[in-house]
Amino acid sequence: MIELRQLTKTYGDGAHRTTVLDRLDLWDSVEEIPDGATISLYSDPANEAQGLWVLERAGLITLDPSVDKWTATQDDIVENPKDLEFVLLDFGAQSRALPDLDAAVGYTEYYVAAKVPVEHQIFAPPAPDEFAGQLTVGTRWIDEPNIQNLIKAFQDPRVQEYLATDPEVQGVLLPLDAE
């Protein structure tokens, strides 16, 4: 078994911005998403939970308050007043499937890479620390030169400055406070 050790703690908004995307700029707000709409979430458990968290923040669903929001699934939805339908798709497939969806919850950088205008975002709440990206490395490799270089790059203030100021990624990939 490989022991994993977290090398950095991340705070703030995290590295990714999760948004509710209006697929064809049909609506100006989440309130305009129609009854029975089909909304895509990412298919892995952590990102499905984050997508549900975003939809709850948007007022579209209510999750069971006794459930840990970071592990929630569709089974934990206790209120869905618009009878929304959910489709789970892989990161790469979601942008390509937009014409067949009413909306999608995912990472802004994937939409930007697929040439979907950022203006199609209709809801983008700040993500909690629990959803921040982290660098994790197997302990047996911790002293390897390449790993040490990766850690330095991950924590380099210039990387954070780049994320905060470069027009290509500004507002898409968010800087972290690296230790």
Protein backbone atom coordinates (compact mmCIF):
# COMPACT_ATOMS: atom_id res chain seq x y z
CA MET A 1 0.00 0.00 0.00
CA ILE A 2 1.26 3.49 -0.85
CA GLU A 3 1.03 6.00 1.95
CA LEU A 4 -0.17 9.36 0.74
CA ARG A 5 0.68 12.60 2.43
CA GLN A 6 -0.81 15.99 1.71
CA LEU A 7 2.01 18.37 0.93
CA THR A 8 0.14 21.59 0.64
CA LYS A 9 -2.95 23.03 2.19
CA THR A 10 -5.06 25.22 0.00
CA TYR A 11 -7.34 27.99 1.07
CA GLY A 12 -9.58 30.54 -0.58
CA ASP A 13 -11.63 29.82 -3.66
CA GLY A 14 -9.59 26.87 -4.90
CA ALA A 15 -8.08 26.31 -8.30
CA HIS A 16 -11.25 25.81 -10.33
CA ARG A 17 -14.36 27.88 -10.70
CA THR A 18 -17.50 25.75 -10.79
CA THR A 19 -20.40 27.31 -12.63
CA VAL A 20 -23.90 26.64 -13.84
CA LEU A 21 -23.70 27.15 -17.57
CA ASP A 22 -26.63 28.09 -19.77
CA ARG A 23 -25.85 26.06 -22.88
CA LEU A 24 -26.96 28.53 -25.54
CA ASP A 25 -27.37 31.76 -23.64
CA LEU A 26 -31.12 31.09 -23.39
CA TRP A 27 -31.57 32.34 -19.84
CA ASP A 28 -30.24 35.27 -17.89
CA SER A 29 -30.46 33.55 -14.49
CA VAL A 30 -30.89 30.13 -12.89
CA GLU A 31 -34.47 31.07 -12.06
CA GLU A 32 -35.24 30.98 -15.79
CA ILE A 33 -34.13 27.34 -16.19
CA PRO A 34 -37.41 25.62 -17.14
CA ASP A 35 -39.28 22.88 -15.31
CA GLY A 36 -38.07 19.44 -16.37
CA ALA A 37 -34.76 20.80 -17.69
CA THR A 38 -31.88 18.38 -18.24
CA ILE A 39 -28.75 19.43 -16.37
CA SER A 40 -25.39 17.69 -16.61
CA LEU A 41 -23.12 17.04 -13.65
CA TYR A 42 -19.67 15.48 -13.79
CA SER A 43 -19.73 11.71 -13.43
CA ASP A 44 -17.15 11.19 -10.67
CA PRO A 45 -18.46 11.17 -7.07
CA ALA A 46 -16.56 14.21 -5.76
CA ASN A 47 -17.59 16.45 -8.65
CA GLU A 48 -21.16 15.16 -8.65
CA ALA A 49 -21.34 16.22 -4.99
CA GLN A 50 -19.85 19.61 -5.83
CA GLY A 51 -22.33 20.07 -8.67
CA LEU A 52 -25.23 19.28 -6.35
CA TRP A 53 -23.80 21.76 -3.83
CA VAL A 54 -23.75 24.44 -6.58
CA LEU A 55 -27.35 23.66 -7.58
CA GLU A 56 -28.41 23.94 -3.95
CA ARG A 57 -26.63 27.31 -3.65
CA ALA A 58 -28.50 28.38 -6.79
CA GLY A 59 -31.81 27.50 -5.14
CA LEU A 60 -32.69 24.80 -7.69
CA ILE A 61 -32.62 21.81 -5.32
CA THR A 62 -32.42 21.07 -1.60
CA LEU A 63 -30.12 18.39 -0.23
CA ASP A 64 -30.88 16.37 2.88
CA PRO A 65 -29.42 18.48 5.73
CA SER A 66 -28.20 15.36 7.54
CA VAL A 67 -25.96 14.37 4.61
CA ASP A 68 -22.35 15.47 4.25
CA LYS A 69 -22.52 17.88 1.29
CA TRP A 70 -19.10 16.73 0.06
CA THR A 71 -20.35 13.16 -0.51
CA ALA A 72 -23.91 13.92 -1.63
CA THR A 73 -25.49 12.07 -4.54
CA GLN A 74 -28.74 12.52 -6.39
CA ASP A 75 -30.33 10.17 -3.84
CA ASP A 76 -29.78 12.92 -1.24
CA ILE A 77 -31.99 15.46 -3.03
CA VAL A 78 -35.05 16.07 -0.85
CA GLU A 79 -36.57 18.89 -2.91
CA ASN A 80 -36.46 19.36 -6.66
CA PRO A 81 -39.31 21.83 -7.33
CA LYS A 82 -38.54 22.11 -11.07
CA ASP A 83 -38.33 18.31 -11.52
CA LEU A 84 -34.88 18.72 -13.02
CA GLU A 85 -33.36 15.70 -14.74
CA PHE A 86 -29.66 14.98 -14.21
CA VAL A 87 -27.20 13.41 -16.62
CA LEU A 88 -23.73 12.40 -15.42
CA LEU A 89 -21.00 13.03 -18.00
CA ASP A 90 -17.22 12.88 -18.06
CA PHE A 91 -15.23 16.14 -18.03
CA GLY A 92 -14.37 15.91 -21.71
CA ALA A 93 -17.84 14.86 -22.84
CA GLN A 94 -19.83 17.56 -21.09
CA SER A 95 -18.83 20.48 -23.33
CA ARG A 96 -19.54 18.42 -26.46
CA ALA A 97 -22.97 17.45 -25.10
CA LEU A 98 -24.11 21.03 -24.44
CA PRO A 99 -26.43 21.14 -27.49
CA ASP A 100 -28.38 18.23 -25.97
CA LEU A 101 -28.63 19.80 -22.49
CA ASP A 102 -30.52 22.68 -20.96
CA ALA A 103 -27.64 23.52 -18.61
CA ALA A 104 -24.48 22.02 -17.14
CA VAL A 105 -22.56 22.35 -13.90
CA GLY A 106 -18.83 22.10 -14.39
CA TYR A 107 -15.46 23.79 -14.44
CA THR A 108 -15.20 27.02 -16.37
CA GLU A 109 -11.81 26.13 -17.86
CA TYR A 110 -13.32 23.14 -19.70
CA TYR A 111 -15.95 25.39 -21.28
CA VAL A 112 -13.35 27.99 -22.23
CA ALA A 113 -11.23 25.27 -23.86
CA ALA A 114 -14.32 24.19 -25.83
CA LYS A 115 -14.80 27.81 -27.03
CA VAL A 116 -17.99 28.30 -24.99
CA PRO A 117 -18.19 32.00 -24.09
CA VAL A 118 -17.72 32.77 -20.38
CA GLU A 119 -20.75 35.04 -20.73
CA HIS A 120 -22.88 31.87 -20.79
CA GLN A 121 -22.23 31.43 -17.06
CA ILE A 122 -25.37 32.18 -15.12
CA PHE A 123 -24.23 31.24 -11.61
CA ALA A 124 -20.70 30.98 -10.18
CA PRO A 125 -20.54 30.91 -6.37
CA PRO A 126 -17.22 30.95 -4.54
CA ALA A 127 -16.19 27.37 -3.80
CA PRO A 128 -15.53 26.33 -0.20
CA ASP A 129 -12.05 25.21 0.87
CA GLU A 130 -13.18 21.58 0.75
CA PHE A 131 -13.29 21.79 -3.05
CA ALA A 132 -9.84 23.39 -3.47
CA GLY A 133 -7.29 21.52 -5.54
CA GLN A 134 -4.47 19.90 -3.63
CA LEU A 135 -1.13 18.39 -4.49
CA THR A 136 -0.73 14.91 -3.00
CA VAL A 137 2.34 12.72 -3.44
CA GLY A 138 3.19 9.20 -2.33
CA THR A 139 5.55 9.41 0.67
CA ARG A 140 8.17 7.16 -0.89
CA TRP A 141 8.67 9.73 -3.68
CA ILE A 142 8.68 12.85 -1.51
CA ASP A 143 12.45 13.41 -1.75
CA GLU A 144 12.74 12.80 -5.49
CA PRO A 145 14.16 15.87 -7.29
CA ASN A 146 11.27 16.05 -9.76
CA ILE A 147 8.74 15.95 -6.92
CA GLN A 148 10.61 18.66 -5.02
CA ASN A 149 10.59 20.79 -8.19
CA LEU A 150 6.85 20.18 -8.60
CA ILE A 151 6.21 21.27 -5.01
CA LYS A 152 8.26 24.43 -5.54
CA ALA A 153 6.34 25.21 -8.74
CA PHE A 154 2.99 24.54 -7.04
CA GLN A 155 3.87 26.98 -4.25
CA ASP A 156 5.64 29.58 -6.39
CA PRO A 157 4.06 33.03 -5.93
CA ARG A 158 4.71 33.72 -9.62
CA VAL A 159 2.26 30.95 -10.53
CA GLN A 160 -0.36 32.55 -8.29
CA GLU A 161 0.37 35.94 -9.87
CA TYR A 162 -0.02 34.41 -13.34
CA LEU A 163 -3.40 32.90 -12.40
CA ALA A 164 -4.56 36.23 -11.02
CA THR A 165 -3.41 38.44 -13.90
CA ASP A 166 -3.05 36.55 -17.20
CA PRO A 167 -6.04 37.37 -19.45
CA GLU A 168 -6.23 33.77 -20.74
CA VAL A 169 -6.86 32.27 -17.29
CA GLN A 170 -7.89 35.21 -15.10
CA GLY A 171 -11.18 34.40 -13.40
CA VAL A 172 -11.10 30.84 -14.73
CA LEU A 173 -8.30 29.25 -12.74
CA LEU A 174 -8.20 30.94 -9.36
CA PRO A 175 -5.02 31.53 -7.35
CA LEU A 176 -4.46 29.72 -4.07
CA ASP A 177 -2.74 30.69 -0.88
CA ALA A 178 -0.01 28.03 -0.88
CA GLU A 179 1.97 27.27 2.25
